[in-house]
């Protein structure tokens, strides 16, 4: 929809940094949105249409940060959850920090706990309640958890920074990838703050870097389960005292671009559903689809080959090229069924349920679709019944596959069938 395209573009404009040529224009357009204008510009129209304040929205910088986080941090992921659990069990690092971000009951929070000398209880834990999920994302909370982890290391274990191995565990692989990535994206300002703190407090000559490791969530790892509980407590409203938090987290964080995009996605779904249900075409599909996403069709189409998917589309849209359909469009002279030569009109019903030539194939179809009877709507709502229907069409060989445009591999598969 054009509305969604425009809002997505305005969200992008709101994320432009202060050094961007359009930043001032976008900010002024929002400030003047209530002032009557004779000839508003496109950006001023967007500011009036979408109530998003660019001054409180996070900025995505175009340039790389001054401090490079990869100078201080290594990352480690694992191919399977079992590997991550086993590594955590065998990890002999004396200093570990477990972090997590959580979204619960419409609110978002983050937490980090520091463990020293393999103690079973944390030396210190920090919490931060970010706010509502309409303003912040769980991805942002996961990055805040990493920031809290580094702040704990700086304030509680600063004497070992860069001198001893340190492990930070998180259950979000996207965050791990983003930490050392050179690309710029949402919540980038948090990553920049981590890099700034490392550049300020880490020794110039490192013996050991901090390793950020992935640990599978909800895997009965005691320390990871504890931090999961602490993050949920943070999402419910618990925050550490301001003096125990890094400077960036002592004031409210800007509105997350990811959260705004999630809102846009939900709004687009609602509006699309409203438009689709008002369309005259909705009546044709209402019997075998629940909403505009056509999930029932996609679930079936993704599991069958292209030939069957094409047949399914033709059946669902009532454009199945039987003689009755072709005769109506004056493509052939007669609508009679040429399979049984009994003079019957070859409609879809005749082809599926009445034509005596396909009695043996129909018997197999009825064995599967007995619960749906002869109702095409009920068959198309059931995945197994739909697949049986398509098998029936293929087995009757009424519609041959087009091998002229097929690749050699496709032709070989057709011959095998």
Protein backbone atom coordinates (compact mmCIF):
# COMPACT_ATOMS: atom_id res chain seq x y z
CA UNK A 1 0.00 0.00 0.00
CA UNK A 2 1.11 3.55 -0.71
CA UNK A 3 0.35 4.52 2.89
CA UNK A 4 2.83 1.91 4.19
CA UNK A 5 5.51 2.97 1.71
CA UNK A 6 5.17 6.60 2.80
CA UNK A 7 5.33 5.77 6.51
CA UNK A 8 8.37 3.54 6.01
CA UNK A 9 10.08 6.39 4.18
CA UNK A 10 9.22 8.87 6.96
CA UNK A 11 10.58 6.52 9.63
CA UNK A 12 13.82 6.39 7.65
CA UNK A 13 13.89 10.20 7.46
CA UNK A 14 13.43 10.43 11.23
CA UNK A 15 16.51 8.22 11.75
CA UNK A 16 18.85 10.50 9.77
CA UNK A 17 21.78 11.76 11.90
CA UNK A 18 22.37 15.42 12.70
CA UNK A 19 25.10 15.74 10.06
CA UNK A 20 22.74 14.65 7.27
CA UNK A 21 21.59 17.37 4.89
CA UNK A 22 17.90 16.55 5.46
CA UNK A 23 18.00 16.30 9.26
CA UNK A 24 17.16 19.95 9.87
CA UNK A 25 14.41 19.90 7.24
CA UNK A 26 12.73 16.87 8.79
CA UNK A 27 12.95 18.31 12.32
CA UNK A 28 11.49 21.66 11.26
CA UNK A 29 8.71 19.93 9.31
CA UNK A 30 7.60 18.13 12.46
CA UNK A 31 7.82 21.33 14.55
CA UNK A 32 5.60 23.16 12.04
CA UNK A 33 3.12 20.31 11.44
CA UNK A 34 0.29 22.13 13.25
CA UNK A 35 0.93 25.45 11.53
CA UNK A 36 -1.28 26.10 8.45
CA UNK A 37 0.77 26.08 5.26
CA UNK A 38 -0.42 27.11 1.80
CA UNK A 39 1.95 24.82 -0.08
CA UNK A 40 3.40 22.13 2.21
CA UNK A 41 6.37 20.16 0.93
CA UNK A 42 6.26 16.36 0.68
CA UNK A 43 8.24 16.04 3.92
CA UNK A 44 5.85 18.44 5.68
CA UNK A 45 2.93 16.34 4.45
CA UNK A 46 4.55 13.20 5.86
CA UNK A 47 5.14 14.92 9.21
CA UNK A 48 1.45 15.84 9.40
CA UNK A 49 0.29 12.39 8.37
CA UNK A 50 2.51 10.39 10.76
CA UNK A 51 2.95 11.61 14.33
CA UNK A 52 6.58 10.52 14.81
CA UNK A 53 8.90 13.02 16.48
CA UNK A 54 12.35 12.90 14.81
CA UNK A 55 13.90 14.60 17.87
CA UNK A 56 13.09 11.57 20.07
CA UNK A 57 13.91 8.91 17.48
CA UNK A 58 17.21 7.05 17.43
CA UNK A 59 19.67 8.04 14.72
CA UNK A 60 21.46 5.62 12.44
CA UNK A 61 24.86 7.10 11.58
CA UNK A 62 26.23 6.83 8.07
CA UNK A 63 29.89 6.68 9.10
CA UNK A 64 31.72 4.07 11.14
CA UNK A 65 32.37 4.73 14.80
CA UNK A 66 35.66 6.31 15.89
CA UNK A 67 36.35 3.38 18.24
CA UNK A 68 36.41 -0.07 16.68
CA UNK A 69 34.81 -2.64 18.97
CA UNK A 70 36.57 -5.51 17.20
CA UNK A 71 39.84 -4.28 18.79
CA UNK A 72 38.52 -5.33 22.19
CA UNK A 73 35.97 -8.07 21.52
CA UNK A 74 35.95 -11.53 19.99
CA UNK A 75 32.72 -13.39 19.26
CA UNK A 76 31.94 -17.08 19.39
CA UNK A 77 28.86 -18.91 18.10
CA UNK A 78 28.08 -22.59 17.76
CA UNK A 79 26.28 -24.66 15.11
CA UNK A 80 23.92 -26.32 17.60
CA UNK A 81 22.38 -25.53 20.98
CA UNK A 82 24.00 -28.67 22.41
CA UNK A 83 27.45 -27.36 21.44
CA UNK A 84 26.78 -24.03 23.16
CA UNK A 85 25.60 -25.75 26.34
CA UNK A 86 28.61 -28.08 26.40
CA UNK A 87 31.03 -25.17 25.87
CA UNK A 88 29.47 -23.25 28.75
CA UNK A 89 29.76 -26.32 30.96
CA UNK A 90 33.46 -26.76 30.09
CA UNK A 91 34.32 -23.04 30.21
CA UNK A 92 37.02 -22.49 32.86
CA UNK A 93 37.06 -18.70 32.51
CA UNK A 94 37.20 -17.16 35.99
CA UNK A 95 35.19 -14.06 35.04
CA UNK A 96 31.84 -14.44 33.32
CA UNK A 97 28.91 -12.14 32.66
CA UNK A 98 25.46 -13.39 31.63
CA UNK A 99 23.14 -10.99 29.84
CA UNK A 100 19.60 -11.02 28.51
CA UNK A 101 16.90 -8.76 27.13
CA UNK A 102 13.22 -9.49 27.57
CA UNK A 103 9.86 -8.31 26.31
CA UNK A 104 6.92 -9.16 28.55
CA UNK A 105 3.37 -7.84 28.93
CA UNK A 106 4.10 -5.05 26.47
CA UNK A 107 7.27 -3.81 28.22
CA UNK A 108 10.99 -4.30 27.59
CA UNK A 109 13.88 -4.72 30.02
CA UNK A 110 17.51 -5.88 30.18
CA UNK A 111 19.82 -7.29 32.82
CA UNK A 112 23.40 -8.48 33.33
CA UNK A 113 25.00 -10.50 36.15
CA UNK A 114 28.73 -10.76 36.93
CA UNK A 115 30.25 -13.99 38.28
CA UNK A 116 33.82 -14.17 39.64
CA UNK A 117 35.95 -17.23 40.43
CA UNK A 118 33.22 -19.67 39.39
CA UNK A 119 30.89 -18.57 42.20
CA UNK A 120 27.33 -19.85 41.95
CA UNK A 121 25.91 -16.46 42.98
CA UNK A 122 26.57 -13.24 41.05
CA UNK A 123 28.83 -10.56 42.52
CA UNK A 124 26.57 -7.87 41.08
CA UNK A 125 23.52 -7.54 38.85
CA UNK A 126 22.29 -4.52 36.91
CA UNK A 127 18.76 -3.97 35.59
CA UNK A 128 17.24 -1.47 33.19
CA UNK A 129 13.57 -1.00 32.36
CA UNK A 130 13.54 0.45 28.84
CA UNK A 131 9.83 1.16 28.43
CA UNK A 132 7.01 -0.11 26.22
CA UNK A 133 7.37 -2.38 23.21
CA UNK A 134 5.92 0.40 21.07
CA UNK A 135 9.07 2.41 21.83
CA UNK A 136 11.75 -0.26 22.24
CA UNK A 137 12.60 -3.68 20.80
CA UNK A 138 13.96 -6.86 22.36
CA UNK A 139 16.98 -6.59 20.04
CA UNK A 140 17.71 -3.18 21.55
CA UNK A 141 17.28 -4.69 25.03
CA UNK A 142 19.79 -7.44 24.20
CA UNK A 143 22.35 -4.79 23.22
CA UNK A 144 21.60 -2.88 26.42
CA UNK A 145 22.33 -6.12 28.28
CA UNK A 146 25.76 -6.28 26.61
CA UNK A 147 26.38 -2.64 27.57
CA UNK A 148 25.45 -3.43 31.19
CA UNK A 149 27.87 -6.38 31.06
CA UNK A 150 30.79 -4.17 30.03
CA UNK A 151 29.82 -1.60 32.66
CA UNK A 152 29.87 -4.30 35.33
CA UNK A 153 33.32 -5.38 34.18
CA UNK A 154 34.58 -1.79 34.27
CA UNK A 155 33.14 -0.96 37.71
CA UNK A 156 33.45 -4.31 39.49
CA UNK A 157 36.40 -6.03 37.79
CA UNK A 158 38.34 -3.24 36.13
CA UNK A 159 41.69 -4.60 37.35
CA UNK A 160 41.43 -7.67 35.10
CA UNK A 161 40.26 -5.98 31.89
CA UNK A 162 42.54 -7.06 29.07
CA UNK A 163 44.71 -9.06 31.46
CA UNK A 164 42.61 -12.21 32.01
CA UNK A 165 40.11 -14.16 29.88
CA UNK A 166 36.54 -12.87 30.22
CA UNK A 167 33.38 -14.47 28.83
CA UNK A 168 30.10 -12.67 28.19
CA UNK A 169 27.12 -14.93 27.42
CA UNK A 170 24.04 -13.89 25.48
CA UNK A 171 21.29 -15.93 23.84
CA UNK A 172 20.89 -13.63 20.82
CA UNK A 173 23.05 -14.49 17.81
CA UNK A 174 21.98 -11.37 15.90
CA UNK A 175 23.55 -9.19 18.61
CA UNK A 176 26.76 -11.22 18.49
CA UNK A 177 27.00 -10.71 14.72
CA UNK A 178 26.25 -6.99 15.02
CA UNK A 179 28.98 -6.30 17.61
CA UNK A 180 31.86 -6.67 15.15
CA UNK A 181 29.94 -5.85 11.98
CA UNK A 182 30.97 -2.76 10.03
CA UNK A 183 27.43 -2.07 8.79
CA UNK A 184 25.22 0.49 10.53
CA UNK A 185 21.70 -0.31 11.68
CA UNK A 186 19.15 0.03 14.48
CA UNK A 187 20.47 0.48 18.06
CA UNK A 188 23.85 1.43 16.65
CA UNK A 189 24.31 4.13 19.28
CA UNK A 190 24.43 1.44 21.98
CA UNK A 191 27.18 -0.39 20.15
CA UNK A 192 29.06 2.90 19.76
CA UNK A 193 28.79 3.50 23.52
CA UNK A 194 30.24 0.05 24.24
CA UNK A 195 33.15 0.82 21.90
CA UNK A 196 33.69 4.22 23.57
CA UNK A 197 33.80 2.66 27.05
CA UNK A 198 36.25 -0.02 25.88
CA UNK A 199 38.48 2.57 24.29
CA UNK A 200 38.45 4.63 27.49
CA UNK A 201 38.86 1.97 30.18
CA UNK A 202 40.68 -0.96 28.56
CA UNK A 203 44.49 -1.01 28.68
CA UNK A 204 46.32 -0.04 25.49
CA UNK A 205 48.13 -3.37 25.23
CA UNK A 206 45.67 -6.23 25.61
CA UNK A 207 46.73 -9.68 26.70
CA UNK A 208 43.21 -11.05 26.43
CA UNK A 209 40.12 -9.76 24.65
CA UNK A 210 36.61 -10.11 25.96
CA UNK A 211 34.79 -12.98 24.22
CA UNK A 212 31.06 -12.61 23.66
CA UNK A 213 29.58 -16.10 23.35
CA UNK A 214 26.23 -17.50 22.35
CA UNK A 215 24.36 -19.69 24.82
CA UNK A 216 21.11 -21.37 23.86
CA UNK A 217 18.08 -19.92 25.66
CA UNK A 218 15.79 -22.03 27.87
CA UNK A 219 18.27 -24.90 28.00
CA UNK A 220 18.39 -25.52 31.76
CA UNK A 221 21.73 -23.72 32.13
CA UNK A 222 21.44 -22.41 35.73
CA UNK A 223 23.17 -19.03 35.31
CA UNK A 224 21.44 -18.34 32.02
CA UNK A 225 18.06 -19.21 33.55
CA UNK A 226 18.79 -16.79 36.41
CA UNK A 227 19.59 -13.91 34.06
CA UNK A 228 16.45 -14.70 32.06
CA UNK A 229 14.46 -14.21 35.27
CA UNK A 230 16.31 -10.95 36.04
CA UNK A 231 15.58 -9.60 32.55
CA UNK A 232 11.89 -10.38 32.99
CA UNK A 233 11.96 -8.50 36.30
CA UNK A 234 13.52 -5.54 34.48
CA UNK A 235 10.78 -5.61 31.84
CA UNK A 236 8.21 -5.42 34.64
CA UNK A 237 9.72 -2.18 35.95
CA UNK A 238 12.89 -2.87 37.98
CA UNK A 239 15.87 -0.60 37.24
CA UNK A 240 19.15 -0.15 39.08
CA UNK A 241 19.99 3.20 40.65
CA UNK A 242 21.19 5.79 38.15
CA UNK A 243 24.67 5.99 39.71
CA UNK A 244 25.13 2.26 39.03
CA UNK A 245 24.38 2.62 35.32
CA UNK A 246 26.53 3.89 32.44
CA UNK A 247 25.91 7.49 31.44
CA UNK A 248 23.94 6.60 28.33
CA UNK A 249 21.36 4.62 30.34
CA UNK A 250 20.72 7.27 33.00
CA UNK A 251 18.24 9.10 30.76
CA UNK A 252 15.35 7.69 28.68
CA UNK A 253 16.56 6.05 25.47
CA UNK A 254 15.33 7.32 22.10
CA UNK A 255 12.48 5.57 20.32
CA UNK A 256 13.73 2.48 18.53
CA UNK A 257 13.56 2.35 14.74
CA UNK A 258 12.96 -1.41 14.99
CA UNK A 259 9.95 -0.80 17.27
CA UNK A 260 8.52 1.76 14.82
CA UNK A 261 8.91 -0.72 11.98
CA UNK A 262 7.14 -3.40 14.01
CA UNK A 263 4.25 -1.00 14.62
CA UNK A 264 4.15 -0.25 10.88
CA UNK A 265 4.04 -3.97 10.10
CA UNK A 266 1.09 -4.49 12.46
CA UNK A 267 -0.76 -1.45 11.12
CA UNK A 268 -0.18 -2.56 7.54
CA UNK A 269 -1.62 -5.97 8.37
CA UNK A 270 -4.74 -4.46 9.93
CA UNK A 271 -5.31 -2.01 7.07
CA UNK A 272 -4.67 -4.69 4.44
CA UNK A 273 -7.18 -6.96 6.13
CA UNK A 274 -9.81 -4.18 6.14
CA UNK A 275 -9.24 -3.38 2.47
CA UNK A 276 -9.28 -7.03 1.45
CA UNK A 277 -12.55 -7.80 3.26
CA UNK A 278 -14.20 -4.83 1.54
CA UNK A 279 -13.09 -6.12 -1.87
CA UNK A 280 -15.66 -7.98 -4.02
CA UNK A 281 -13.02 -10.68 -4.56
CA UNK A 282 -13.08 -11.60 -0.87
CA UNK A 283 -16.32 -13.57 -1.32
CA UNK A 284 -14.56 -15.92 -3.74
CA UNK A 285 -11.85 -16.86 -1.25
CA UNK A 286 -13.64 -16.45 2.08
CA UNK A 287 -14.64 -20.12 2.13
CA UNK A 288 -11.07 -21.41 2.23
CA UNK A 289 -8.94 -18.55 3.57
CA UNK A 290 -9.02 -16.83 6.96
CA UNK A 291 -7.35 -13.54 6.04
CA UNK A 292 -5.55 -11.59 3.35
CA UNK A 293 -2.21 -13.34 3.90
CA UNK A 294 -3.53 -16.49 2.12
CA UNK A 295 -1.64 -18.64 4.61
CA UNK A 296 -3.62 -21.74 3.66
CA UNK A 297 -2.54 -21.41 0.02
CA UNK A 298 1.12 -20.70 0.83
CA UNK A 299 1.38 -23.65 3.22
CA UNK A 300 0.24 -25.98 0.43
CA UNK A 301 2.05 -24.30 -2.47
CA UNK A 302 5.38 -24.39 -0.65
CA UNK A 303 5.20 -28.18 -0.39
CA UNK A 304 4.29 -29.07 -4.01
CA UNK A 305 5.97 -28.68 -7.39
CA UNK A 306 5.32 -25.84 -9.80
CA UNK A 307 2.98 -27.82 -12.04
CA UNK A 308 0.66 -28.67 -9.14
CA UNK A 309 0.90 -25.13 -7.79
CA UNK A 310 -0.23 -23.83 -11.18
CA UNK A 311 -3.18 -26.20 -11.17
CA UNK A 312 -4.08 -25.11 -7.63
CA UNK A 313 -4.14 -21.43 -8.63
CA UNK A 314 -6.40 -22.21 -11.60
CA UNK A 315 -8.82 -24.18 -9.44
CA UNK A 316 -8.96 -21.54 -6.70
CA UNK A 317 -9.49 -18.66 -9.14
CA UNK A 318 -12.07 -20.55 -11.21
CA UNK A 319 -9.89 -20.38 -14.33
CA UNK A 320 -9.48 -24.10 -14.82
CA UNK A 321 -9.17 -24.68 -18.63
CA UNK A 322 -11.89 -27.29 -19.06
CA UNK A 323 -14.09 -27.24 -22.17
CA UNK A 324 -16.90 -25.33 -20.46
CA UNK A 325 -14.43 -22.58 -19.50
CA UNK A 326 -12.81 -22.48 -22.98
CA UNK A 327 -16.15 -22.53 -24.82
CA UNK A 328 -17.46 -19.62 -22.75
CA UNK A 329 -14.50 -17.59 -23.97
CA UNK A 330 -15.05 -18.73 -27.57
CA UNK A 331 -11.74 -20.56 -27.71
CA UNK A 332 -13.28 -23.90 -28.72
CA UNK A 333 -16.58 -24.61 -30.52
CA UNK A 334 -18.16 -26.95 -27.93
CA UNK A 335 -18.35 -27.28 -24.15
CA UNK A 336 -18.94 -31.05 -24.27
CA UNK A 337 -16.64 -33.40 -22.39
CA UNK A 338 -14.33 -35.16 -24.84
CA UNK A 339 -13.09 -37.61 -22.23
CA UNK A 340 -16.34 -39.58 -21.83
CA UNK A 341 -18.09 -38.48 -25.08
CA UNK A 342 -21.50 -38.64 -23.39
CA UNK A 343 -22.43 -35.10 -24.35
CA UNK A 344 -22.12 -33.77 -20.80
CA UNK A 345 -20.93 -30.24 -20.23
CA UNK A 346 -17.33 -30.44 -19.00
CA UNK A 347 -17.56 -28.27 -15.93
CA UNK A 348 -15.26 -28.54 -12.95
CA UNK A 349 -17.88 -30.55 -11.07
CA UNK A 350 -18.28 -32.97 -13.98
CA UNK A 351 -14.54 -33.41 -14.28
CA UNK A 352 -14.00 -34.00 -10.54
CA UNK A 353 -17.08 -36.02 -9.55
CA UNK A 354 -19.06 -37.27 -12.57
CA UNK A 355 -16.94 -38.16 -15.62
CA UNK A 356 -16.91 -42.00 -15.85
CA UNK A 357 -13.52 -42.13 -17.56
CA UNK A 358 -11.77 -41.09 -14.35
CA UNK A 359 -13.67 -43.41 -11.99
CA UNK A 360 -10.57 -45.27 -10.79
CA UNK A 361 -8.67 -42.05 -10.02
CA UNK A 362 -11.80 -40.68 -8.32
CA UNK A 363 -11.97 -43.68 -6.01
CA UNK A 364 -8.52 -42.87 -4.65
CA UNK A 365 -9.53 -39.22 -4.25
CA UNK A 366 -12.66 -40.10 -2.26
CA UNK A 367 -10.68 -42.37 0.07
CA UNK A 368 -8.73 -39.30 1.26
CA UNK A 369 -11.46 -36.65 1.05
CA UNK A 370 -14.33 -38.64 2.55
CA UNK A 371 -14.75 -36.06 5.33
CA UNK A 372 -15.19 -33.24 2.82
CA UNK A 373 -17.62 -35.00 0.50
CA UNK A 374 -17.99 -33.29 -2.87
CA UNK A 375 -17.50 -29.80 -1.41
CA UNK A 376 -14.61 -28.10 -3.18
CA UNK A 377 -14.48 -25.40 -0.49
CA UNK A 378 -13.96 -27.96 2.28
CA UNK A 379 -11.31 -29.79 0.26
CA UNK A 380 -9.34 -26.59 -0.40
CA UNK A 381 -9.35 -25.75 3.33
CA UNK A 382 -7.64 -29.05 4.18
CA UNK A 383 -4.01 -29.52 3.15
CA UNK A 384 -4.13 -33.32 2.80
CA UNK A 385 -7.38 -33.15 0.85
CA UNK A 386 -5.99 -30.48 -1.46
CA UNK A 387 -2.89 -32.55 -2.19
CA UNK A 388 -5.13 -35.54 -2.96
CA UNK A 389 -7.17 -33.36 -5.34
CA UNK A 390 -4.03 -32.28 -7.19
CA UNK A 391 -2.85 -35.89 -7.39
CA UNK A 392 -6.21 -36.72 -8.97
CA UNK A 393 -5.77 -34.02 -11.62
CA UNK A 394 -2.24 -35.23 -12.42
CA UNK A 395 -3.25 -38.91 -12.51
CA UNK A 396 -6.10 -38.26 -14.97
CA UNK A 397 -3.50 -36.83 -17.40
CA UNK A 398 -6.18 -34.43 -18.58
CA UNK A 399 -3.64 -31.61 -18.45
CA UNK A 400 -0.19 -32.58 -19.65
CA UNK A 401 2.86 -30.86 -18.32
CA UNK A 402 4.58 -28.43 -20.65
CA UNK A 403 7.99 -29.97 -21.31
CA UNK A 404 8.94 -27.55 -24.07
CA UNK A 405 10.06 -24.79 -21.70
CA UNK A 406 11.31 -27.10 -18.95
CA UNK A 407 14.97 -27.47 -18.08
CA UNK A 408 16.66 -30.88 -18.62
CA UNK A 409 16.42 -31.59 -14.88
CA UNK A 410 12.72 -30.71 -14.84
CA UNK A 411 12.06 -32.92 -17.89
CA UNK A 412 13.83 -35.81 -16.15
CA UNK A 413 11.64 -35.37 -13.08
CA UNK A 414 8.54 -35.26 -15.27
CA UNK A 415 9.54 -38.56 -16.92
CA UNK A 416 10.08 -40.10 -13.47
CA UNK A 417 6.58 -39.05 -12.42
